[in-house]
All heavy atoms as atom14 arrays in JSON, in Angstrom:
{
  "sequence": "ATISSGGTTNYADSVKGRFTISRDNAKKTVYLQMNSLKPEDTAVYY",
  "atom14_mask": [
    [1, 1, 1, 1, 1, 0, 0, 0, 0, 0, 0, 0, 0, 0],
    [1, 1, 1, 1, 1, 1, 1, 0, 0, 0, 0, 0, 0, 0],
    [1, 1, 1, 1, 1, 1, 1, 1, 0, 0, 0, 0, 0, 0],
    [1, 1, 1, 1, 1, 1, 0, 0, 0, 0, 0, 0, 0, 0],
    [1, 1, 1, 1, 1, 1, 0, 0, 0, 0, 0, 0, 0, 0],
    [1, 1, 1, 1, 0, 0, 0, 0, 0, 0, 0, 0, 0, 0],
    [1, 1, 1, 1, 0, 0, 0, 0, 0, 0, 0, 0, 0, 0],
    [1, 1, 1, 1, 1, 1, 1, 0, 0, 0, 0, 0, 0, 0],
    [1, 1, 1, 1, 1, 1, 1, 0, 0, 0, 0, 0, 0, 0],
    [1, 1, 1, 1, 1, 1, 1, 1, 0, 0, 0, 0, 0, 0],
    [1, 1, 1, 1, 1, 1, 1, 1, 1, 1, 1, 1, 0, 0],
    [1, 1, 1, 1, 1, 0, 0, 0, 0, 0, 0, 0, 0, 0],
    [1, 1, 1, 1, 1, 1, 1, 1, 0, 0, 0, 0, 0, 0],
    [1, 1, 1, 1, 1, 1, 0, 0, 0, 0, 0, 0, 0, 0],
    [1, 1, 1, 1, 1, 1, 1, 0, 0, 0, 0, 0, 0, 0],
    [1, 1, 1, 1, 1, 1, 1, 1, 1, 0, 0, 0, 0, 0],
    [1, 1, 1, 1, 0, 0, 0, 0, 0, 0, 0, 0, 0, 0],
    [1, 1, 1, 1, 1, 1, 1, 1, 1, 1, 1, 0, 0, 0],
    [1, 1, 1, 1, 1, 1, 1, 1, 1, 1, 1, 0, 0, 0],
    [1, 1, 1, 1, 1, 1, 1, 0, 0, 0, 0, 0, 0, 0],
    [1, 1, 1, 1, 1, 1, 1, 1, 0, 0, 0, 0, 0, 0],
    [1, 1, 1, 1, 1, 1, 0, 0, 0, 0, 0, 0, 0, 0],
    [1, 1, 1, 1, 1, 1, 1, 1, 1, 1, 1, 0, 0, 0],
    [1, 1, 1, 1, 1, 1, 1, 1, 0, 0, 0, 0, 0, 0],
    [1, 1, 1, 1, 1, 1, 1, 1, 0, 0, 0, 0, 0, 0],
    [1, 1, 1, 1, 1, 0, 0, 0, 0, 0, 0, 0, 0, 0],
    [1, 1, 1, 1, 1, 1, 1, 1, 1, 0, 0, 0, 0, 0],
    [1, 1, 1, 1, 1, 1, 1, 1, 1, 0, 0, 0, 0, 0],
    [1, 1, 1, 1, 1, 1, 1, 0, 0, 0, 0, 0, 0, 0],
    [1, 1, 1, 1, 1, 1, 1, 0, 0, 0, 0, 0, 0, 0],
    [1, 1, 1, 1, 1, 1, 1, 1, 1, 1, 1, 1, 0, 0],
    [1, 1, 1, 1, 1, 1, 1, 1, 0, 0, 0, 0, 0, 0],
    [1, 1, 1, 1, 1, 1, 1, 1, 1, 0, 0, 0, 0, 0],
    [1, 1, 1, 1, 1, 1, 1, 1, 0, 0, 0, 0, 0, 0],
    [1, 1, 1, 1, 1, 1, 1, 1, 0, 0, 0, 0, 0, 0],
    [1, 1, 1, 1, 1, 1, 0, 0, 0, 0, 0, 0, 0, 0],
    [1, 1, 1, 1, 1, 1, 1, 1, 0, 0, 0, 0, 0, 0],
    [1, 1, 1, 1, 1, 1, 1, 1, 1, 0, 0, 0, 0, 0],
    [1, 1, 1, 1, 1, 1, 1, 0, 0, 0, 0, 0, 0, 0],
    [1, 1, 1, 1, 1, 1, 1, 1, 1, 0, 0, 0, 0, 0],
    [1, 1, 1, 1, 1, 1, 1, 1, 0, 0, 0, 0, 0, 0],
    [1, 1, 1, 1, 1, 1, 1, 0, 0, 0, 0, 0, 0, 0],
    [1, 1, 1, 1, 1, 0, 0, 0, 0, 0, 0, 0, 0, 0],
    [1, 1, 1, 1, 1, 1, 1, 0, 0, 0, 0, 0, 0, 0],
    [1, 1, 1, 1, 1, 1, 1, 1, 1, 1, 1, 1, 0, 0],
    [1, 1, 1, 1, 1, 1, 1, 1, 1, 1, 1, 1, 0, 0]
  ],
  "atom14_positions": [
    [[57.74, 173.05, 315.13], [57.24, 172.66, 316.45], [57.99, 171.44, 316.93], [58.43, 170.62, 316.13], [55.73, 172.36, 316.4], [0.0, 0.0, 0.0], [0.0, 0.0, 0.0], [0.0, 0.0, 0.0], [0.0, 0.0, 0.0], [0.0, 0.0, 0.0], [0.0, 0.0, 0.0], [0.0, 0.0, 0.0], [0.0, 0.0, 0.0], [0.0, 0.0, 0.0]],
    [[58.12, 171.32, 318.25], [58.74, 170.14, 318.85], [57.9, 169.66, 320.03], [57.12, 170.44, 320.61], [60.16, 170.43, 319.35], [60.1, 171.43, 320.37], [61.07, 170.88, 318.23], [0.0, 0.0, 0.0], [0.0, 0.0, 0.0], [0.0, 0.0, 0.0], [0.0, 0.0, 0.0], [0.0, 0.0, 0.0], [0.0, 0.0, 0.0], [0.0, 0.0, 0.0]],
    [[58.06, 168.39, 320.33], [57.41, 167.82, 321.5], [58.39, 166.87, 322.16], [58.96, 166.0, 321.51], [56.08, 167.13, 321.13], [55.37, 166.62, 322.38], [56.28, 166.02, 320.11], [53.9, 166.23, 322.13], [0.0, 0.0, 0.0], [0.0, 0.0, 0.0], [0.0, 0.0, 0.0], [0.0, 0.0, 0.0], [0.0, 0.0, 0.0], [0.0, 0.0, 0.0]],
    [[58.61, 167.05, 323.45], [59.58, 166.24, 324.17], [59.0, 164.86, 324.48], [57.8, 164.61, 324.3], [59.98, 166.93, 325.46], [58.9, 166.88, 326.39], [0.0, 0.0, 0.0], [0.0, 0.0, 0.0], [0.0, 0.0, 0.0], [0.0, 0.0, 0.0], [0.0, 0.0, 0.0], [0.0, 0.0, 0.0], [0.0, 0.0, 0.0], [0.0, 0.0, 0.0]],
    [[59.85, 164.0, 325.01], [59.37, 162.68, 325.42], [58.32, 162.79, 326.52], [57.45, 161.94, 326.65], [60.54, 161.81, 325.87], [61.22, 162.44, 326.94], [0.0, 0.0, 0.0], [0.0, 0.0, 0.0], [0.0, 0.0, 0.0], [0.0, 0.0, 0.0], [0.0, 0.0, 0.0], [0.0, 0.0, 0.0], [0.0, 0.0, 0.0], [0.0, 0.0, 0.0]],
    [[58.39, 163.85, 327.29], [57.42, 164.07, 328.35], [56.18, 164.84, 327.93], [55.29, 165.07, 328.75], [0.0, 0.0, 0.0], [0.0, 0.0, 0.0], [0.0, 0.0, 0.0], [0.0, 0.0, 0.0], [0.0, 0.0, 0.0], [0.0, 0.0, 0.0], [0.0, 0.0, 0.0], [0.0, 0.0, 0.0], [0.0, 0.0, 0.0], [0.0, 0.0, 0.0]],
    [[56.15, 165.27, 326.66], [54.96, 165.95, 326.16], [55.04, 167.47, 326.14], [54.07, 168.13, 325.75], [0.0, 0.0, 0.0], [0.0, 0.0, 0.0], [0.0, 0.0, 0.0], [0.0, 0.0, 0.0], [0.0, 0.0, 0.0], [0.0, 0.0, 0.0], [0.0, 0.0, 0.0], [0.0, 0.0, 0.0], [0.0, 0.0, 0.0], [0.0, 0.0, 0.0]],
    [[56.16, 168.04, 326.52], [56.31, 169.49, 326.48], [56.44, 169.94, 325.03], [57.23, 169.37, 324.27], [57.55, 169.93, 327.27], [57.41, 169.51, 328.62], [57.71, 171.45, 327.22], [0.0, 0.0, 0.0], [0.0, 0.0, 0.0], [0.0, 0.0, 0.0], [0.0, 0.0, 0.0], [0.0, 0.0, 0.0], [0.0, 0.0, 0.0], [0.0, 0.0, 0.0]],
    [[55.69, 170.96, 324.67], [55.68, 171.43, 323.28], [56.34, 172.8, 323.15], [56.38, 173.59, 324.1], [54.24, 171.5, 322.73], [53.47, 172.38, 323.56], [53.61, 170.13, 322.72], [0.0, 0.0, 0.0], [0.0, 0.0, 0.0], [0.0, 0.0, 0.0], [0.0, 0.0, 0.0], [0.0, 0.0, 0.0], [0.0, 0.0, 0.0], [0.0, 0.0, 0.0]],
    [[56.8, 173.07, 321.94], [57.44, 174.34, 321.62], [57.09, 174.66, 320.18], [57.09, 173.77, 319.32], [58.95, 174.23, 321.79], [59.66, 175.53, 321.46], [59.35, 176.56, 322.01], [60.59, 175.47, 320.52], [0.0, 0.0, 0.0], [0.0, 0.0, 0.0], [0.0, 0.0, 0.0], [0.0, 0.0, 0.0], [0.0, 0.0, 0.0], [0.0, 0.0, 0.0]],
    [[56.79, 175.95, 319.92], [56.37, 176.35, 318.58], [57.13, 177.57, 318.1], [57.5, 178.45, 318.88], [54.87, 176.71, 318.57], [53.96, 175.55, 318.9], [53.55, 175.31, 320.21], [53.51, 174.7, 317.9], [52.72, 174.25, 320.52], [52.68, 173.64, 318.19], [52.28, 173.42, 319.5], [51.46, 172.36, 319.8], [0.0, 0.0, 0.0], [0.0, 0.0, 0.0]],
    [[57.32, 177.63, 316.79], [57.81, 178.86, 316.18], [56.74, 179.93, 316.34], [55.53, 179.64, 316.3], [58.12, 178.63, 314.71], [0.0, 0.0, 0.0], [0.0, 0.0, 0.0], [0.0, 0.0, 0.0], [0.0, 0.0, 0.0], [0.0, 0.0, 0.0], [0.0, 0.0, 0.0], [0.0, 0.0, 0.0], [0.0, 0.0, 0.0], [0.0, 0.0, 0.0]],
    [[57.17, 181.18, 316.49], [56.21, 182.27, 316.67], [55.23, 182.36, 315.5], [54.06, 182.7, 315.68], [56.95, 183.6, 316.83], [57.64, 183.73, 318.17], [57.3, 182.96, 319.1], [58.52, 184.6, 318.3], [0.0, 0.0, 0.0], [0.0, 0.0, 0.0], [0.0, 0.0, 0.0], [0.0, 0.0, 0.0], [0.0, 0.0, 0.0], [0.0, 0.0, 0.0]],
    [[55.71, 182.03, 314.32], [54.89, 182.18, 313.12], [53.72, 181.19, 313.06], [52.78, 181.4, 312.28], [55.75, 182.0, 311.88], [56.36, 180.72, 311.87], [0.0, 0.0, 0.0], [0.0, 0.0, 0.0], [0.0, 0.0, 0.0], [0.0, 0.0, 0.0], [0.0, 0.0, 0.0], [0.0, 0.0, 0.0], [0.0, 0.0, 0.0], [0.0, 0.0, 0.0]],
    [[53.75, 180.14, 313.87], [52.67, 179.14, 313.82], [51.9, 179.02, 315.13], [50.92, 178.27, 315.19], [53.22, 177.76, 313.41], [54.02, 177.85, 312.11], [54.03, 177.12, 314.5], [0.0, 0.0, 0.0], [0.0, 0.0, 0.0], [0.0, 0.0, 0.0], [0.0, 0.0, 0.0], [0.0, 0.0, 0.0], [0.0, 0.0, 0.0], [0.0, 0.0, 0.0]],
    [[52.32, 179.75, 316.15], [51.62, 179.67, 317.45], [50.15, 180.04, 317.3], [49.81, 181.02, 316.64], [52.29, 180.61, 318.46], [53.55, 180.06, 319.08], [54.15, 181.05, 320.09], [55.43, 180.5, 320.68], [56.08, 181.47, 321.61], [0.0, 0.0, 0.0], [0.0, 0.0, 0.0], [0.0, 0.0, 0.0], [0.0, 0.0, 0.0], [0.0, 0.0, 0.0]],
    [[49.3, 179.22, 317.91], [47.88, 179.47, 317.84], [47.21, 178.87, 316.61], [45.99, 178.83, 316.53], [0.0, 0.0, 0.0], [0.0, 0.0, 0.0], [0.0, 0.0, 0.0], [0.0, 0.0, 0.0], [0.0, 0.0, 0.0], [0.0, 0.0, 0.0], [0.0, 0.0, 0.0], [0.0, 0.0, 0.0], [0.0, 0.0, 0.0], [0.0, 0.0, 0.0]],
    [[48.02, 178.41, 315.65], [47.45, 177.82, 314.42], [47.81, 176.34, 314.28], [47.01, 175.57, 313.76], [47.98, 178.58, 313.19], [47.61, 180.04, 313.17], [47.96, 180.68, 311.83], [49.39, 180.63, 311.54], [49.92, 180.06, 310.46], [49.15, 179.48, 309.55], [51.24, 180.09, 310.27], [0.0, 0.0, 0.0], [0.0, 0.0, 0.0], [0.0, 0.0, 0.0]],
    [[49.0, 175.96, 314.71], [49.48, 174.58, 314.59], [49.52, 173.92, 315.95], [49.8, 174.58, 316.97], [50.89, 174.55, 314.0], [51.0, 174.97, 312.54], [49.94, 175.54, 311.86], [52.18, 174.77, 311.86], [50.04, 175.93, 310.54], [52.32, 175.15, 310.53], [51.25, 175.73, 309.88], [0.0, 0.0, 0.0], [0.0, 0.0, 0.0], [0.0, 0.0, 0.0]],
    [[49.29, 172.6, 315.96], [49.38, 171.83, 317.19], [50.14, 170.54, 316.92], [49.78, 169.78, 316.01], [47.98, 171.48, 317.73], [47.24, 172.69, 317.96], [48.1, 170.71, 319.04], [0.0, 0.0, 0.0], [0.0, 0.0, 0.0], [0.0, 0.0, 0.0], [0.0, 0.0, 0.0], [0.0, 0.0, 0.0], [0.0, 0.0, 0.0], [0.0, 0.0, 0.0]],
    [[51.18, 170.32, 317.71], [51.95, 169.08, 317.61], [51.48, 168.14, 318.72], [51.18, 168.57, 319.83], [53.47, 169.34, 317.71], [54.25, 168.07, 317.39], [53.85, 169.92, 319.07], [55.77, 168.31, 317.24], [0.0, 0.0, 0.0], [0.0, 0.0, 0.0], [0.0, 0.0, 0.0], [0.0, 0.0, 0.0], [0.0, 0.0, 0.0], [0.0, 0.0, 0.0]],
    [[51.39, 166.86, 318.39], [51.0, 165.86, 319.38], [51.68, 164.54, 319.03], [52.2, 164.37, 317.93], [49.48, 165.69, 319.42], [48.99, 165.24, 318.17], [0.0, 0.0, 0.0], [0.0, 0.0, 0.0], [0.0, 0.0, 0.0], [0.0, 0.0, 0.0], [0.0, 0.0, 0.0], [0.0, 0.0, 0.0], [0.0, 0.0, 0.0], [0.0, 0.0, 0.0]],
    [[51.65, 163.62, 319.98], [52.27, 162.33, 319.75], [51.42, 161.23, 320.35], [50.74, 161.43, 321.36], [53.69, 162.29, 320.32], [53.79, 162.41, 321.82], [55.25, 162.61, 322.25], [56.08, 161.46, 321.92], [57.41, 161.51, 321.84], [58.05, 162.65, 322.08], [58.1, 160.42, 321.54], [0.0, 0.0, 0.0], [0.0, 0.0, 0.0], [0.0, 0.0, 0.0]],
    [[51.48, 160.06, 319.71], [50.81, 158.86, 320.21], [51.9, 157.79, 320.32], [52.3, 157.2, 319.31], [49.7, 158.43, 319.24], [48.89, 157.25, 319.75], [49.44, 156.43, 320.53], [47.72, 157.13, 319.36], [0.0, 0.0, 0.0], [0.0, 0.0, 0.0], [0.0, 0.0, 0.0], [0.0, 0.0, 0.0], [0.0, 0.0, 0.0], [0.0, 0.0, 0.0]],
    [[52.37, 157.58, 321.52], [53.5, 156.65, 321.69], [53.11, 155.21, 321.35], [53.95, 154.44, 320.89], [54.03, 156.75, 323.11], [54.77, 158.05, 323.37], [55.23, 158.72, 322.45], [54.87, 158.42, 324.64], [0.0, 0.0, 0.0], [0.0, 0.0, 0.0], [0.0, 0.0, 0.0], [0.0, 0.0, 0.0], [0.0, 0.0, 0.0], [0.0, 0.0, 0.0]],
    [[51.86, 154.85, 321.59], [51.43, 153.49, 321.27], [51.48, 153.23, 319.76], [51.78, 152.12, 319.32], [50.02, 153.25, 321.8], [0.0, 0.0, 0.0], [0.0, 0.0, 0.0], [0.0, 0.0, 0.0], [0.0, 0.0, 0.0], [0.0, 0.0, 0.0], [0.0, 0.0, 0.0], [0.0, 0.0, 0.0], [0.0, 0.0, 0.0], [0.0, 0.0, 0.0]],
    [[51.19, 154.26, 318.98], [51.22, 154.14, 317.52], [52.56, 154.56, 316.94], [52.76, 154.5, 315.73], [50.11, 154.98, 316.9], [48.71, 154.49, 317.24], [47.65, 155.32, 316.53], [46.26, 154.79, 316.84], [45.2, 155.6, 316.17], [0.0, 0.0, 0.0], [0.0, 0.0, 0.0], [0.0, 0.0, 0.0], [0.0, 0.0, 0.0], [0.0, 0.0, 0.0]],
    [[53.47, 155.02, 317.79], [54.8, 155.48, 317.35], [54.67, 156.54, 316.26], [55.36, 156.5, 315.23], [55.65, 154.29, 316.88], [55.93, 153.28, 317.98], [56.82, 152.15, 317.49], [56.12, 151.23, 316.54], [56.98, 150.09, 316.13], [0.0, 0.0, 0.0], [0.0, 0.0, 0.0], [0.0, 0.0, 0.0], [0.0, 0.0, 0.0], [0.0, 0.0, 0.0]],
    [[53.8, 157.48, 316.51], [53.48, 158.5, 315.5], [53.41, 159.89, 316.14], [52.91, 160.03, 317.26], [52.13, 158.17, 314.83], [52.22, 156.88, 314.2], [51.77, 159.21, 313.77], [0.0, 0.0, 0.0], [0.0, 0.0, 0.0], [0.0, 0.0, 0.0], [0.0, 0.0, 0.0], [0.0, 0.0, 0.0], [0.0, 0.0, 0.0], [0.0, 0.0, 0.0]],
    [[53.91, 160.87, 315.4], [53.77, 162.26, 315.8], [52.93, 162.97, 314.74], [53.02, 162.63, 313.55], [55.14, 162.93, 315.99], [55.94, 162.98, 314.69], [55.0, 164.31, 316.58], [0.0, 0.0, 0.0], [0.0, 0.0, 0.0], [0.0, 0.0, 0.0], [0.0, 0.0, 0.0], [0.0, 0.0, 0.0], [0.0, 0.0, 0.0], [0.0, 0.0, 0.0]],
    [[52.12, 163.91, 315.18], [51.2, 164.61, 314.3], [51.46, 166.11, 314.32], [51.97, 166.66, 315.3], [49.76, 164.36, 314.73], [49.37, 162.91, 314.81], [49.39, 162.24, 316.03], [48.99, 162.21, 313.67], [49.04, 160.9, 316.11], [48.63, 160.87, 313.75], [48.66, 160.23, 314.97], [48.31, 158.89, 315.05], [0.0, 0.0, 0.0], [0.0, 0.0, 0.0]],
    [[51.08, 166.76, 313.24], [51.08, 168.22, 313.2], [49.75, 168.65, 312.59], [49.52, 168.47, 311.39], [52.23, 168.77, 312.37], [52.36, 170.3, 312.39], [52.78, 170.78, 313.79], [53.37, 170.77, 311.35], [0.0, 0.0, 0.0], [0.0, 0.0, 0.0], [0.0, 0.0, 0.0], [0.0, 0.0, 0.0], [0.0, 0.0, 0.0], [0.0, 0.0, 0.0]],
    [[48.88, 169.17, 313.44], [47.6, 169.71, 312.97], [47.82, 171.16, 312.59], [48.26, 171.96, 313.43], [46.53, 169.61, 314.07], [45.19, 170.19, 313.68], [44.52, 169.43, 312.56], [44.48, 168.2, 312.57], [43.96, 170.15, 311.59], [0.0, 0.0, 0.0], [0.0, 0.0, 0.0], [0.0, 0.0, 0.0], [0.0, 0.0, 0.0], [0.0, 0.0, 0.0]],
    [[47.52, 171.49, 311.34], [47.77, 172.83, 310.83], [46.44, 173.46, 310.43], [45.76, 172.94, 309.53], [48.72, 172.77, 309.63], [50.03, 172.07, 309.92], [51.21, 172.14, 308.56], [50.35, 171.17, 307.33], [0.0, 0.0, 0.0], [0.0, 0.0, 0.0], [0.0, 0.0, 0.0], [0.0, 0.0, 0.0], [0.0, 0.0, 0.0], [0.0, 0.0, 0.0]],
    [[46.08, 174.52, 311.1], [44.84, 175.24, 310.83], [45.15, 176.65, 310.34], [46.26, 177.15, 310.52], [43.96, 175.3, 312.07], [43.55, 173.94, 312.57], [43.37, 173.0, 311.8], [43.41, 173.82, 313.88], [0.0, 0.0, 0.0], [0.0, 0.0, 0.0], [0.0, 0.0, 0.0], [0.0, 0.0, 0.0], [0.0, 0.0, 0.0], [0.0, 0.0, 0.0]],
    [[44.16, 177.28, 309.75], [44.31, 178.67, 309.27], [45.57, 178.83, 308.44], [46.36, 179.77, 308.64], [44.32, 179.63, 310.46], [43.14, 179.51, 311.24], [0.0, 0.0, 0.0], [0.0, 0.0, 0.0], [0.0, 0.0, 0.0], [0.0, 0.0, 0.0], [0.0, 0.0, 0.0], [0.0, 0.0, 0.0], [0.0, 0.0, 0.0], [0.0, 0.0, 0.0]],
    [[45.74, 177.93, 307.51], [46.97, 177.93, 306.72], [47.08, 179.17, 305.84], [46.07, 179.7, 305.35], [47.04, 176.66, 305.86], [47.47, 175.42, 306.65], [47.07, 174.15, 305.92], [48.97, 175.44, 306.9], [0.0, 0.0, 0.0], [0.0, 0.0, 0.0], [0.0, 0.0, 0.0], [0.0, 0.0, 0.0], [0.0, 0.0, 0.0], [0.0, 0.0, 0.0]],
    [[48.32, 179.62, 305.68], [48.64, 180.81, 304.9], [49.57, 180.44, 303.75], [50.3, 179.44, 303.84], [49.33, 181.85, 305.78], [48.56, 182.24, 307.03], [49.39, 183.17, 307.89], [48.64, 183.57, 309.16], [49.46, 184.48, 310.01], [0.0, 0.0, 0.0], [0.0, 0.0, 0.0], [0.0, 0.0, 0.0], [0.0, 0.0, 0.0], [0.0, 0.0, 0.0]],
    [[49.6, 181.22, 302.7], [50.53, 180.92, 301.6], [51.97, 180.81, 302.06], [52.74, 180.0, 301.51], [50.32, 182.11, 300.65], [48.91, 182.53, 300.89], [48.68, 182.33, 302.35], [0.0, 0.0, 0.0], [0.0, 0.0, 0.0], [0.0, 0.0, 0.0], [0.0, 0.0, 0.0], [0.0, 0.0, 0.0], [0.0, 0.0, 0.0], [0.0, 0.0, 0.0]],
    [[52.34, 181.57, 303.07], [53.72, 181.51, 303.58], [54.04, 180.23, 304.34], [55.18, 180.0, 304.71], [54.05, 182.74, 304.44], [53.05, 183.01, 305.54], [52.03, 184.07, 305.14], [51.5, 184.01, 303.99], [51.73, 184.94, 305.98], [0.0, 0.0, 0.0], [0.0, 0.0, 0.0], [0.0, 0.0, 0.0], [0.0, 0.0, 0.0], [0.0, 0.0, 0.0]],
    [[53.04, 179.4, 304.57], [53.28, 178.08, 305.16], [53.71, 177.06, 304.12], [54.06, 175.93, 304.47], [52.02, 177.57, 305.87], [51.64, 178.42, 307.07], [52.53, 178.81, 307.83], [50.42, 178.68, 307.23], [0.0, 0.0, 0.0], [0.0, 0.0, 0.0], [0.0, 0.0, 0.0], [0.0, 0.0, 0.0], [0.0, 0.0, 0.0], [0.0, 0.0, 0.0]],
    [[53.68, 177.44, 302.86], [54.08, 176.53, 301.79], [55.55, 176.15, 301.95], [56.42, 177.01, 302.05], [53.87, 177.2, 300.42], [52.48, 177.42, 300.22], [54.42, 176.33, 299.3], [0.0, 0.0, 0.0], [0.0, 0.0, 0.0], [0.0, 0.0, 0.0], [0.0, 0.0, 0.0], [0.0, 0.0, 0.0], [0.0, 0.0, 0.0], [0.0, 0.0, 0.0]],
    [[55.8, 174.84, 302.0], [57.16, 174.33, 302.21], [57.13, 172.81, 302.17], [56.05, 172.2, 302.16], [57.7, 174.79, 303.56], [0.0, 0.0, 0.0], [0.0, 0.0, 0.0], [0.0, 0.0, 0.0], [0.0, 0.0, 0.0], [0.0, 0.0, 0.0], [0.0, 0.0, 0.0], [0.0, 0.0, 0.0], [0.0, 0.0, 0.0], [0.0, 0.0, 0.0]],
    [[58.32, 172.23, 302.17], [58.44, 170.8, 302.44], [58.59, 170.65, 303.95], [59.44, 171.3, 304.55], [59.64, 170.18, 301.71], [59.77, 168.71, 302.06], [59.5, 170.36, 300.21], [0.0, 0.0, 0.0], [0.0, 0.0, 0.0], [0.0, 0.0, 0.0], [0.0, 0.0, 0.0], [0.0, 0.0, 0.0], [0.0, 0.0, 0.0], [0.0, 0.0, 0.0]],
    [[57.75, 169.82, 304.52], [57.75, 169.6, 305.97], [58.46, 168.29, 306.29], [58.15, 167.24, 305.71], [56.32, 169.58, 306.49], [55.72, 170.97, 306.6], [55.41, 171.7, 305.45], [55.51, 171.57, 307.83], [54.89, 172.98, 305.53], [54.99, 172.86, 307.93], [54.69, 173.55, 306.77], [54.17, 174.83, 306.86], [0.0, 0.0, 0.0], [0.0, 0.0, 0.0]],
    [[59.4, 168.38, 307.24], [60.21, 167.24, 307.61], [59.97, 166.86, 309.06], [59.89, 167.72, 309.95], [61.69, 167.55, 307.45], [62.12, 167.82, 306.02], [62.13, 169.1, 305.51], [62.52, 166.76, 305.21], [62.52, 169.35, 304.21], [62.92, 167.01, 303.9], [62.91, 168.29, 303.41], [63.32, 168.54, 302.11], [0.0, 0.0, 0.0], [0.0, 0.0, 0.0]]
  ]
}
C-alpha cells in the first residue's frame, strides 16, 4: 500500500478491503492496519 503526501491511497489487489494505510504528519508516522490476516500475508514488511 502507498499513501501520497496529499493522502491518496493505493493498495495491492491482494489486500484491498483488509488493509488500511494512514499517516499522521504531526507524529511523522505512517501506519498499516491489517485485518482478516491470512497465512499468505506472512512476510517481512518494509
